[in-house]
Amino acid sequence: MRITEGQYGDCIGPFRNVLYLCHRNADPDAIGCSFALSRAFGGEIGAVDDLSRTGVSLANIIGAHILINPPVEDYDLVVVVDTSVKTQLGNRLPSNYALVDHHLDEGLLDGALFYIQKPTKSTAEIVWTILKENGKKVDERVALGLMAGMIADTGRFKRATPGTFLAAAEILDIGGFVYEEAQEALSVPADLSQRIALLKAASRTEVTRQSNWLVACTEVNSFEGSAAMALVDLGADVAFVAGRHGNLIRISARCSREATRRGINLAKLLGEVGRAHGGDGGGHRSAAALEAIGEPSAILDSCQKKLLEILP
């Protein structure tokens, strides 16, 4: 059942034991939003498997206690936050769940008791509206968490809309902190292992040219998203980076602003490839990921072939 932000309080009210669940490698948007909702409406916060490095930094700064892999069936309701497809939750999707998310994927909608899904640039914008329309007071830590999530998901406002800037201004006005504090919460220097992974990704990259398009594919053991972003920064129009995680293959993809403007939709592409290989995928037009079963090279090849078929 689709609901509005103003209806959230009435829908969550009957549930006394609530968990706000973040996706695997939980990022600042997921953590800031879960923290805000738990503070406003009650409940605990959980994440699947781990937090991102910036997620850990933000959680420490705002004082968010995150349970890793909590037993989801112990809760009356699990609210899945900032998550678009089941694969991001591993095997931890409960029978009773709701959804608050800003991605375009439909994978979690049918089974949700109720959901809010809007194509905003961050889930923080949706949660900010929920808090306002339900008359909830916002303290400095909640405001800081939402602002950090907004900064992270918009690439420091490079992908912001007028609505994003309006929400940011309102949060700053009520939060009692300066913008630099939210930026500092995300300023986590790359550690040695990340730097090594990015250099290995670049050294192993295979570049395919079609007309004026450059498509980069590579494999690493970690930091796939960061590696894909780095390859786009180096000049690729689209980058696919694969890594093996146990029995699963994870592929992260990024594309340039021009590629998105010209119609590339990585969320749709990775969703189709993921399902074709026994998994699923999704995300945004310019940044998406999939998890599937098979060999990294074969799934990378599928991603590249499908992309080359649709390049304008």
Protein backbone atom coordinates (compact mmCIF):
# COMPACT_ATOMS: atom_id res chain seq x y z
CA MET A 1 0.00 0.00 0.00
CA ARG A 2 1.45 3.33 -1.05
CA ILE A 3 1.14 6.04 1.59
CA THR A 4 2.08 9.70 1.87
CA GLU A 5 4.65 11.10 4.26
CA GLY A 6 1.87 12.57 6.39
CA GLN A 7 0.29 9.12 6.83
CA TYR A 8 3.47 7.51 8.14
CA GLY A 9 2.77 8.18 11.81
CA ASP A 10 -0.68 6.55 11.69
CA CYS A 11 0.69 3.52 9.83
CA ILE A 12 3.64 2.94 12.16
CA GLY A 13 1.63 3.67 15.32
CA PRO A 14 0.09 0.19 15.88
CA PHE A 15 3.52 -1.47 15.95
CA ARG A 16 5.37 -1.46 19.26
CA ASN A 17 8.55 -3.38 18.41
CA VAL A 18 10.03 -1.82 15.27
CA LEU A 19 13.37 -2.29 13.53
CA TYR A 20 14.72 0.15 10.95
CA LEU A 21 16.86 -2.00 8.67
CA CYS A 22 19.67 -0.65 6.46
CA HIS A 23 21.15 -2.41 3.45
CA ARG A 24 24.50 -4.17 3.34
CA ASN A 25 27.47 -1.77 3.58
CA ALA A 26 25.08 0.83 4.98
CA ASP A 27 25.86 4.37 3.85
CA PRO A 28 25.22 7.75 5.51
CA ASP A 29 21.82 8.22 3.85
CA ALA A 30 20.53 4.91 5.21
CA ILE A 31 22.01 5.49 8.67
CA GLY A 32 20.94 9.12 8.99
CA CYS A 33 17.38 8.29 7.92
CA SER A 34 17.06 5.23 10.17
CA PHE A 35 18.38 7.23 13.11
CA ALA A 36 15.89 10.05 12.46
CA LEU A 37 12.91 7.70 12.18
CA SER A 38 13.88 5.70 15.25
CA ARG A 39 14.28 8.87 17.32
CA ALA A 40 10.95 10.27 16.14
CA PHE A 41 8.77 7.15 16.25
CA GLY A 42 10.71 4.67 18.40
CA GLY A 43 12.50 1.51 17.39
CA GLU A 44 15.95 0.03 16.91
CA ILE A 45 18.36 0.31 13.99
CA GLY A 46 19.96 -2.62 12.20
CA ALA A 47 22.15 -3.23 9.18
CA VAL A 48 22.92 -6.27 7.06
CA ASP A 49 26.50 -7.51 7.39
CA ASP A 50 28.37 -4.21 7.80
CA LEU A 51 28.54 -0.42 7.49
CA SER A 52 30.50 1.62 5.00
CA ARG A 53 33.47 3.55 6.35
CA THR A 54 31.57 6.84 6.08
CA GLY A 55 28.59 5.10 7.65
CA VAL A 56 30.69 4.12 10.66
CA SER A 57 31.98 7.69 10.96
CA LEU A 58 28.48 9.19 10.89
CA ALA A 59 27.05 6.63 13.32
CA ASN A 60 29.80 7.45 15.83
CA ILE A 61 29.29 11.19 15.51
CA ILE A 62 25.49 11.20 15.92
CA GLY A 63 25.47 8.38 18.48
CA ALA A 64 23.51 5.86 16.42
CA HIS A 65 23.66 2.32 17.82
CA ILE A 66 23.49 -0.08 14.87
CA LEU A 67 22.74 -3.78 15.36
CA ILE A 68 24.52 -5.94 12.80
CA ASN A 69 22.37 -8.77 11.40
CA PRO A 70 19.63 -8.54 14.04
CA PRO A 71 17.01 -11.35 14.13
CA VAL A 72 14.37 -9.64 12.00
CA GLU A 73 11.56 -12.06 12.89
CA ASP A 74 11.77 -10.90 16.52
CA TYR A 75 10.19 -7.56 15.55
CA ASP A 76 6.55 -6.69 14.93
CA LEU A 77 7.56 -4.68 11.89
CA VAL A 78 10.77 -4.08 9.99
CA VAL A 79 10.99 -0.78 8.10
CA VAL A 80 13.47 -1.23 5.25
CA VAL A 81 15.25 2.09 4.66
CA ASP A 82 17.04 3.35 1.54
CA THR A 83 17.01 -0.11 -0.05
CA SER A 84 15.72 -0.99 -3.50
CA VAL A 85 16.08 -4.75 -4.03
CA LYS A 86 16.05 -7.91 -1.90
CA THR A 87 19.65 -8.83 -2.67
CA GLN A 88 20.83 -5.80 -0.66
CA LEU A 89 19.32 -7.45 2.42
CA GLY A 90 20.79 -10.93 1.93
CA ASN A 91 18.29 -13.40 3.39
CA ARG A 92 17.01 -10.98 6.01
CA LEU A 93 13.75 -9.78 4.48
CA PRO A 94 11.00 -10.56 7.03
CA SER A 95 7.36 -11.36 6.32
CA ASN A 96 6.15 -8.07 7.83
CA TYR A 97 7.99 -5.10 6.43
CA ALA A 98 7.46 -1.54 5.25
CA LEU A 99 9.65 0.54 2.97
CA VAL A 100 10.98 4.11 2.88
CA ASP A 101 13.18 4.61 -0.17
CA HIS A 102 14.13 6.93 -3.03
CA HIS A 103 15.21 4.43 -5.69
CA LEU A 104 13.19 3.62 -8.80
CA ASP A 105 13.16 -0.18 -8.44
CA GLU A 106 9.93 -2.05 -7.73
CA GLY A 107 11.46 -5.20 -6.22
CA LEU A 108 10.29 -4.58 -2.64
CA LEU A 109 6.97 -2.85 -3.26
CA ASP A 110 4.58 -5.78 -3.72
CA GLY A 111 5.35 -7.46 -0.40
CA ALA A 112 5.39 -4.30 1.74
CA LEU A 113 2.57 -3.63 4.20
CA PHE A 114 2.99 0.04 3.29
CA TYR A 115 5.64 2.07 1.54
CA ILE A 116 6.84 5.51 0.58
CA GLN A 117 8.95 5.54 -2.55
CA LYS A 118 9.76 8.75 -4.40
CA PRO A 119 12.53 9.51 -6.90
CA THR A 120 14.18 12.17 -4.77
CA LYS A 121 17.95 12.53 -4.78
CA SER A 122 18.23 11.09 -1.27
CA THR A 123 16.01 9.21 1.16
CA ALA A 124 16.84 11.96 3.67
CA GLU A 125 14.56 14.33 1.73
CA ILE A 126 11.64 11.91 2.18
CA VAL A 127 12.36 11.39 5.87
CA TRP A 128 12.61 15.14 6.44
CA THR A 129 9.11 15.51 4.99
CA ILE A 130 7.86 12.64 7.18
CA LEU A 131 9.14 14.38 10.30
CA LYS A 132 7.64 17.74 9.32
CA GLU A 133 4.22 16.43 8.33
CA ASN A 134 3.94 14.35 11.50
CA GLY A 135 4.87 17.27 13.76
CA LYS A 136 8.08 15.71 15.09
CA LYS A 137 10.74 17.83 16.75
CA VAL A 138 14.23 17.54 15.29
CA ASP A 139 17.33 17.84 17.45
CA GLU A 140 20.86 18.60 16.29
CA ARG A 141 21.96 14.97 15.94
CA VAL A 142 18.96 14.02 13.81
CA ALA A 143 19.42 17.08 11.60
CA LEU A 144 23.14 16.39 11.23
CA GLY A 145 22.47 12.78 10.22
CA LEU A 146 19.94 13.81 7.57
CA MET A 147 22.22 16.52 6.20
CA ALA A 148 25.16 14.10 5.97
CA GLY A 149 22.99 11.58 4.16
CA MET A 150 21.84 14.23 1.72
CA ILE A 151 25.41 15.39 1.05
CA ALA A 152 26.62 11.85 0.45
CA ASP A 153 23.84 10.76 -1.89
CA THR A 154 23.89 13.91 -4.01
CA GLY A 155 27.66 13.94 -4.47
CA ARG A 156 27.92 17.09 -2.32
CA PHE A 157 24.89 18.55 -4.13
CA LYS A 158 26.22 18.00 -7.65
CA ARG A 159 23.03 16.00 -8.36
CA ALA A 160 20.70 18.15 -6.25
CA THR A 161 17.28 19.43 -7.28
CA PRO A 162 15.51 22.59 -6.03
CA GLY A 163 13.71 20.32 -3.54
CA THR A 164 17.04 19.07 -2.23
CA PHE A 165 18.33 22.59 -1.62
CA LEU A 166 15.07 23.59 0.07
CA ALA A 167 15.22 20.61 2.44
CA ALA A 168 18.89 21.28 3.17
CA ALA A 169 18.17 24.92 4.01
CA GLU A 170 15.35 23.94 6.38
CA ILE A 171 17.50 21.31 8.10
CA LEU A 172 20.38 23.75 8.56
CA ASP A 173 18.01 26.39 9.89
CA ILE A 174 16.55 24.09 12.54
CA GLY A 175 19.60 21.94 13.26
CA GLY A 176 21.84 24.40 15.06
CA PHE A 177 25.05 23.38 13.28
CA VAL A 178 27.05 24.72 10.36
CA TYR A 179 27.33 22.98 7.00
CA GLU A 180 31.01 22.22 7.48
CA GLU A 181 30.19 19.94 10.43
CA ALA A 182 28.13 17.67 8.18
CA GLN A 183 30.92 17.63 5.60
CA GLU A 184 33.46 16.72 8.26
CA ALA A 185 31.29 13.79 9.36
CA LEU A 186 31.91 12.29 5.90
CA SER A 187 35.60 13.16 5.65
CA VAL A 188 37.13 9.73 6.11
CA PRO A 189 40.56 9.40 4.46
CA ALA A 190 40.97 6.40 2.18
CA ASP A 191 42.84 3.66 4.01
CA LEU A 192 45.70 1.69 2.50
CA SER A 193 43.54 -1.26 1.44
CA GLN A 194 41.16 1.03 -0.46
CA ARG A 195 44.00 2.81 -2.21
CA ILE A 196 45.52 -0.53 -3.24
CA ALA A 197 42.14 -1.76 -4.51
CA LEU A 198 41.64 1.35 -6.64
CA LEU A 199 45.10 1.10 -8.15
CA LYS A 200 44.62 -2.60 -8.92
CA ALA A 201 41.23 -1.87 -10.48
CA ALA A 202 42.78 0.73 -12.77
CA SER A 203 45.72 -1.49 -13.74
CA ARG A 204 43.42 -4.42 -14.66
CA THR A 205 40.86 -2.37 -16.57
CA GLU A 206 39.83 -3.33 -20.09
CA VAL A 207 38.48 -0.42 -22.12
CA THR A 208 36.06 -0.89 -25.00
CA ARG A 209 35.40 1.92 -27.44
CA GLN A 210 32.18 2.22 -29.43
CA SER A 211 32.02 5.41 -31.46
CA ASN A 212 32.89 8.11 -28.91
CA TRP A 213 31.85 6.01 -25.90
CA LEU A 214 34.43 4.49 -23.54
CA VAL A 215 33.32 1.54 -21.41
CA ALA A 216 35.63 0.27 -18.65
CA CYS A 217 35.41 -3.18 -17.02
CA THR A 218 37.58 -4.58 -14.25
CA GLU A 219 37.67 -6.93 -11.24
CA VAL A 220 38.73 -6.29 -7.64
CA ASN A 221 38.11 -7.98 -4.29
CA SER A 222 36.58 -4.97 -2.53
CA PHE A 223 35.58 -1.31 -2.91
CA GLU A 224 33.78 -1.97 -6.20
CA GLY A 225 31.71 1.22 -5.99
CA SER A 226 34.70 3.42 -5.29
CA ALA A 227 36.65 1.78 -8.12
CA ALA A 228 33.82 2.33 -10.60
CA MET A 229 33.58 5.98 -9.57
CA ALA A 230 37.35 6.38 -9.95
CA LEU A 231 37.25 4.94 -13.48
CA VAL A 232 34.57 7.43 -14.51
CA ASP A 233 36.67 10.22 -12.98
CA LEU A 234 39.59 8.98 -15.10
CA GLY A 235 37.56 9.32 -18.30
CA ALA A 236 35.26 6.33 -18.77
CA ASP A 237 31.69 7.08 -19.82
CA VAL A 238 30.51 3.90 -18.08
CA ALA A 239 32.40 1.64 -15.66
CA PHE A 240 31.56 -1.86 -14.42
CA VAL A 241 33.57 -3.31 -11.53
CA ALA A 242 33.10 -6.89 -10.31
CA GLY A 243 34.10 -8.55 -7.06
CA ARG A 244 33.52 -11.97 -5.52
CA HIS A 245 31.89 -12.12 -2.07
CA GLY A 246 31.52 -15.70 -0.93
CA ASN A 247 29.17 -17.41 -3.37
CA LEU A 248 27.95 -14.13 -4.82
CA ILE A 249 29.33 -11.84 -7.48
CA ARG A 250 28.79 -8.15 -6.84
CA ILE A 251 29.05 -5.64 -9.67
CA SER A 252 28.97 -1.90 -9.15
CA ALA A 253 28.46 0.46 -12.06
CA ARG A 254 28.81 4.20 -12.52
CA CYS A 255 28.39 6.48 -15.49
CA SER A 256 29.11 10.09 -16.32
CA ARG A 257 26.54 12.87 -16.17
CA GLU A 258 26.57 13.07 -19.97
CA ALA A 259 25.82 9.34 -20.24
CA THR A 260 22.82 9.75 -17.95
CA ARG A 261 21.64 12.78 -19.92
CA ARG A 262 21.77 10.72 -23.10
CA GLY A 263 19.53 8.01 -21.70
CA ILE A 264 21.71 5.44 -19.93
CA ASN A 265 19.84 3.83 -17.01
CA LEU A 266 22.20 1.64 -14.99
CA ALA A 267 19.48 0.62 -12.50
CA LYS A 268 17.42 -0.95 -15.27
CA LEU A 269 20.43 -2.52 -16.97
CA LEU A 270 21.88 -4.10 -13.83
CA GLY A 271 18.44 -5.28 -12.73
CA GLU A 272 18.00 -7.17 -15.99
CA VAL A 273 21.50 -8.66 -15.94
CA GLY A 274 21.24 -9.58 -12.26
CA ARG A 275 17.97 -11.45 -12.73
CA ALA A 276 19.36 -13.23 -15.78
CA HIS A 277 22.17 -14.58 -13.58
CA GLY A 278 20.06 -15.73 -10.63
CA GLY A 279 20.20 -12.51 -8.62
CA ASP A 280 18.94 -8.98 -8.84
CA GLY A 281 20.15 -5.42 -9.14
CA GLY A 282 19.07 -1.82 -9.06
CA GLY A 283 19.87 1.65 -7.79
CA HIS A 284 19.95 4.89 -9.75
CA ARG A 285 20.35 5.83 -13.40
CA SER A 286 23.98 6.84 -12.87
CA ALA A 287 24.95 4.52 -10.00
CA ALA A 288 23.74 0.96 -9.51
CA ALA A 289 24.79 -2.49 -8.38
CA LEU A 290 23.84 -6.13 -8.76
CA GLU A 291 24.45 -9.39 -6.93
CA ALA A 292 24.29 -12.65 -8.86
CA ILE A 293 25.70 -16.14 -9.17
CA GLY A 294 28.40 -17.12 -11.63
CA GLU A 295 31.81 -16.00 -12.79
CA PRO A 296 32.78 -12.30 -12.58
CA SER A 297 34.07 -12.20 -16.14
CA ALA A 298 30.87 -13.69 -17.56
CA ILE A 299 28.60 -11.27 -15.72
CA LEU A 300 30.81 -8.32 -16.64
CA ASP A 301 30.59 -9.44 -20.25
CA SER A 302 26.79 -9.54 -20.00
CA CYS A 303 26.73 -6.00 -18.59
CA GLN A 304 28.97 -4.69 -21.33
CA LYS A 305 27.09 -6.43 -24.14
CA LYS A 306 23.73 -5.11 -22.95
CA LEU A 307 25.15 -1.61 -22.63
CA LEU A 308 26.70 -1.66 -26.11
CA GLU A 309 23.34 -2.73 -27.55
CA ILE A 310 21.61 0.37 -26.20
CA LEU A 311 24.28 3.04 -26.60
CA PRO A 312 22.89 5.91 -28.72
